[in-house]
Amino acid sequence: SQRAGTLSYLVFSAGLSLFVYLLFHLACDRGNLQIPLFRTLGTNALVAYILHDLVGEAVKPFTTRDAASWYAWGSFVLFFWITWLIVRHLEKNKIHLRL
């Protein structure tokens, strides 16, 4: 995001976010679309939020700032897969962290 965005940028980004939210609401809540990835991350969102920083710090030493794009994407996939794998394990064992 921008540090000091113009009014038109703020209105556009808010409208775009609301539109994407509306699409997900219509597809998932009103329709019958269920995306397992979103269900897994949504049931333990707090764990995923805490865990993504820890996994990011664990993967970070294996990536460089000037890495090729395929290497950067591979690092992201590894980071996302590890995070998802742990959260999925908790979901399968019916372990949910809630406030």
C-alpha atoms as a PDB file:
ATOM      1  CA  SER A   1       0.000   0.000   0.000  1.00  0.00           C
ATOM      2  CA  GLN A   2       1.028   3.557  -0.427  1.00  0.00           C
ATOM      3  CA  ARG A   3       2.193   5.625   2.498  1.00  0.00           C
ATOM      4  CA  ALA A   4       0.161   8.674   1.488  1.00  0.00           C
ATOM      5  CA  GLY A   5      -2.241   7.715  -1.259  1.00  0.00           C
ATOM      6  CA  THR A   6      -4.406  10.116  -3.156  1.00  0.00           C
ATOM      7  CA  LEU A   7      -8.134  10.109  -2.589  1.00  0.00           C
ATOM      8  CA  SER A   8      -8.788   8.464  -5.955  1.00  0.00           C
ATOM      9  CA  TYR A   9      -6.346   5.651  -5.121  1.00  0.00           C
ATOM     10  CA  LEU A  10      -7.980   5.059  -1.747  1.00  0.00           C
ATOM     11  CA  VAL A  11     -11.494   5.015  -3.193  1.00  0.00           C
ATOM     12  CA  PHE A  12     -10.462   2.705  -6.043  1.00  0.00           C
ATOM     13  CA  SER A  13      -8.659   0.231  -3.772  1.00  0.00           C
ATOM     14  CA  ALA A  14     -11.538   0.202  -1.279  1.00  0.00           C
ATOM     15  CA  GLY A  15     -14.023  -0.398  -4.097  1.00  0.00           C
ATOM     16  CA  LEU A  16     -11.921  -3.167  -5.611  1.00  0.00           C
ATOM     17  CA  SER A  17     -11.566  -4.875  -2.237  1.00  0.00           C
ATOM     18  CA  LEU A  18     -15.299  -4.655  -1.639  1.00  0.00           C
ATOM     19  CA  PHE A  19     -15.997  -6.072  -5.106  1.00  0.00           C
ATOM     20  CA  VAL A  20     -13.681  -9.058  -4.545  1.00  0.00           C
ATOM     21  CA  TYR A  21     -15.301  -9.627  -1.147  1.00  0.00           C
ATOM     22  CA  LEU A  22     -18.729  -9.533  -2.816  1.00  0.00           C
ATOM     23  CA  LEU A  23     -17.634 -12.146  -5.362  1.00  0.00           C
ATOM     24  CA  PHE A  24     -16.437 -14.483  -2.610  1.00  0.00           C
ATOM     25  CA  HIS A  25     -19.615 -13.865  -0.613  1.00  0.00           C
ATOM     26  CA  LEU A  26     -21.829 -14.705  -3.568  1.00  0.00           C
ATOM     27  CA  ALA A  27     -19.797 -17.733  -4.610  1.00  0.00           C
ATOM     28  CA  CYS A  28     -19.164 -19.269  -1.192  1.00  0.00           C
ATOM     29  CA  ASP A  29     -21.939 -18.083   1.121  1.00  0.00           C
ATOM     30  CA  ARG A  30     -24.864 -17.777  -1.269  1.00  0.00           C
ATOM     31  CA  GLY A  31     -23.652 -20.354  -3.756  1.00  0.00           C
ATOM     32  CA  ASN A  32     -22.300 -23.740  -2.870  1.00  0.00           C
ATOM     33  CA  LEU A  33     -18.635 -23.202  -3.719  1.00  0.00           C
ATOM     34  CA  GLN A  34     -16.231 -24.600  -1.157  1.00  0.00           C
ATOM     35  CA  ILE A  35     -12.511 -24.199  -1.687  1.00  0.00           C
ATOM     36  CA  PRO A  36     -10.591 -26.570   0.617  1.00  0.00           C
ATOM     37  CA  LEU A  37      -7.549 -24.286   0.775  1.00  0.00           C
ATOM     38  CA  PHE A  38      -9.636 -21.401   2.083  1.00  0.00           C
ATOM     39  CA  ARG A  39     -11.497 -23.676   4.497  1.00  0.00           C
ATOM     40  CA  THR A  40      -8.220 -24.954   5.945  1.00  0.00           C
ATOM     41  CA  LEU A  41      -6.740 -21.493   6.370  1.00  0.00           C
ATOM     42  CA  GLY A  42     -10.036 -20.060   7.611  1.00  0.00           C
ATOM     43  CA  THR A  43     -10.677 -22.595  10.359  1.00  0.00           C
ATOM     44  CA  ASN A  44      -7.330 -21.880  11.984  1.00  0.00           C
ATOM     45  CA  ALA A  45      -6.663 -18.357  10.766  1.00  0.00           C
ATOM     46  CA  LEU A  46      -4.952 -17.290  13.991  1.00  0.00           C
ATOM     47  CA  VAL A  47      -2.502 -20.197  13.830  1.00  0.00           C
ATOM     48  CA  ALA A  48      -1.819 -19.500  10.155  1.00  0.00           C
ATOM     49  CA  TYR A  49      -1.176 -15.839  10.934  1.00  0.00           C
ATOM     50  CA  ILE A  50       1.263 -16.628  13.738  1.00  0.00           C
ATOM     51  CA  LEU A  51       2.865 -19.496  11.853  1.00  0.00           C
ATOM     52  CA  HIS A  52       3.495 -17.659   8.590  1.00  0.00           C
ATOM     53  CA  ASP A  53       6.033 -15.382  10.248  1.00  0.00           C
ATOM     54  CA  LEU A  54       7.882 -18.298  11.838  1.00  0.00           C
ATOM     55  CA  VAL A  55       7.948 -20.275   8.596  1.00  0.00           C
ATOM     56  CA  GLY A  56       8.989 -17.162   6.687  1.00  0.00           C
ATOM     57  CA  GLU A  57      11.965 -16.683   8.971  1.00  0.00           C
ATOM     58  CA  ALA A  58      12.894 -20.361   8.558  1.00  0.00           C
ATOM     59  CA  VAL A  59      12.770 -20.205   4.744  1.00  0.00           C
ATOM     60  CA  LYS A  60      14.432 -16.788   4.476  1.00  0.00           C
ATOM     61  CA  PRO A  61      18.060 -17.987   4.898  1.00  0.00           C
ATOM     62  CA  PHE A  62      17.668 -20.196   1.826  1.00  0.00           C
ATOM     63  CA  THR A  63      16.630 -17.341  -0.452  1.00  0.00           C
ATOM     64  CA  THR A  64      18.632 -14.409  -1.728  1.00  0.00           C
ATOM     65  CA  ARG A  65      17.606 -10.904  -2.676  1.00  0.00           C
ATOM     66  CA  ASP A  66      18.836 -11.293  -6.246  1.00  0.00           C
ATOM     67  CA  ALA A  67      17.411 -14.759  -6.881  1.00  0.00           C
ATOM     68  CA  ALA A  68      16.003 -15.725 -10.245  1.00  0.00           C
ATOM     69  CA  SER A  69      12.233 -15.556 -10.562  1.00  0.00           C
ATOM     70  CA  TRP A  70      11.835 -19.340 -10.629  1.00  0.00           C
ATOM     71  CA  TYR A  71      13.833 -19.587  -7.394  1.00  0.00           C
ATOM     72  CA  ALA A  72      11.769 -16.861  -5.743  1.00  0.00           C
ATOM     73  CA  TRP A  73       8.523 -18.580  -6.762  1.00  0.00           C
ATOM     74  CA  GLY A  74       9.897 -21.906  -5.544  1.00  0.00           C
ATOM     75  CA  SER A  75      10.727 -20.351  -2.185  1.00  0.00           C
ATOM     76  CA  PHE A  76       7.218 -18.935  -1.948  1.00  0.00           C
ATOM     77  CA  VAL A  77       5.671 -22.302  -2.793  1.00  0.00           C
ATOM     78  CA  LEU A  78       7.839 -23.978  -0.147  1.00  0.00           C
ATOM     79  CA  PHE A  79       6.868 -21.326   2.427  1.00  0.00           C
ATOM     80  CA  PHE A  80       3.169 -21.616   1.611  1.00  0.00           C
ATOM     81  CA  TRP A  81       3.235 -25.417   1.531  1.00  0.00           C
ATOM     82  CA  ILE A  82       4.896 -25.704   4.958  1.00  0.00           C
ATOM     83  CA  THR A  83       2.419 -23.248   6.463  1.00  0.00           C
ATOM     84  CA  TRP A  84      -0.550 -25.014   4.880  1.00  0.00           C
ATOM     85  CA  LEU A  85       0.743 -28.450   5.891  1.00  0.00           C
ATOM     86  CA  ILE A  86       0.917 -27.546   9.575  1.00  0.00           C
ATOM     87  CA  VAL A  87      -2.472 -25.823   9.567  1.00  0.00           C
ATOM     88  CA  ARG A  88      -3.994 -28.765   7.669  1.00  0.00           C
ATOM     89  CA  HIS A  89      -2.568 -31.192  10.239  1.00  0.00           C
ATOM     90  CA  LEU A  90      -4.237 -29.208  13.010  1.00  0.00           C
ATOM     91  CA  GLU A  91      -7.524 -29.164  11.087  1.00  0.00           C
ATOM     92  CA  LYS A  92      -7.483 -32.931  10.516  1.00  0.00           C
ATOM     93  CA  ASN A  93      -6.902 -33.501  14.235  1.00  0.00           C
ATOM     94  CA  LYS A  94      -9.685 -31.039  15.093  1.00  0.00           C
ATOM     95  CA  ILE A  95      -7.338 -28.685  16.926  1.00  0.00           C
ATOM     96  CA  HIS A  96      -8.549 -25.103  16.622  1.00  0.00           C
ATOM     97  CA  LEU A  97      -7.000 -22.073  18.275  1.00  0.00           C
ATOM     98  CA  ARG A  98      -9.627 -19.456  19.038  1.00  0.00           C
ATOM     99  CA  LEU A  99      -9.716 -16.282  21.060  1.00  0.00           C
END
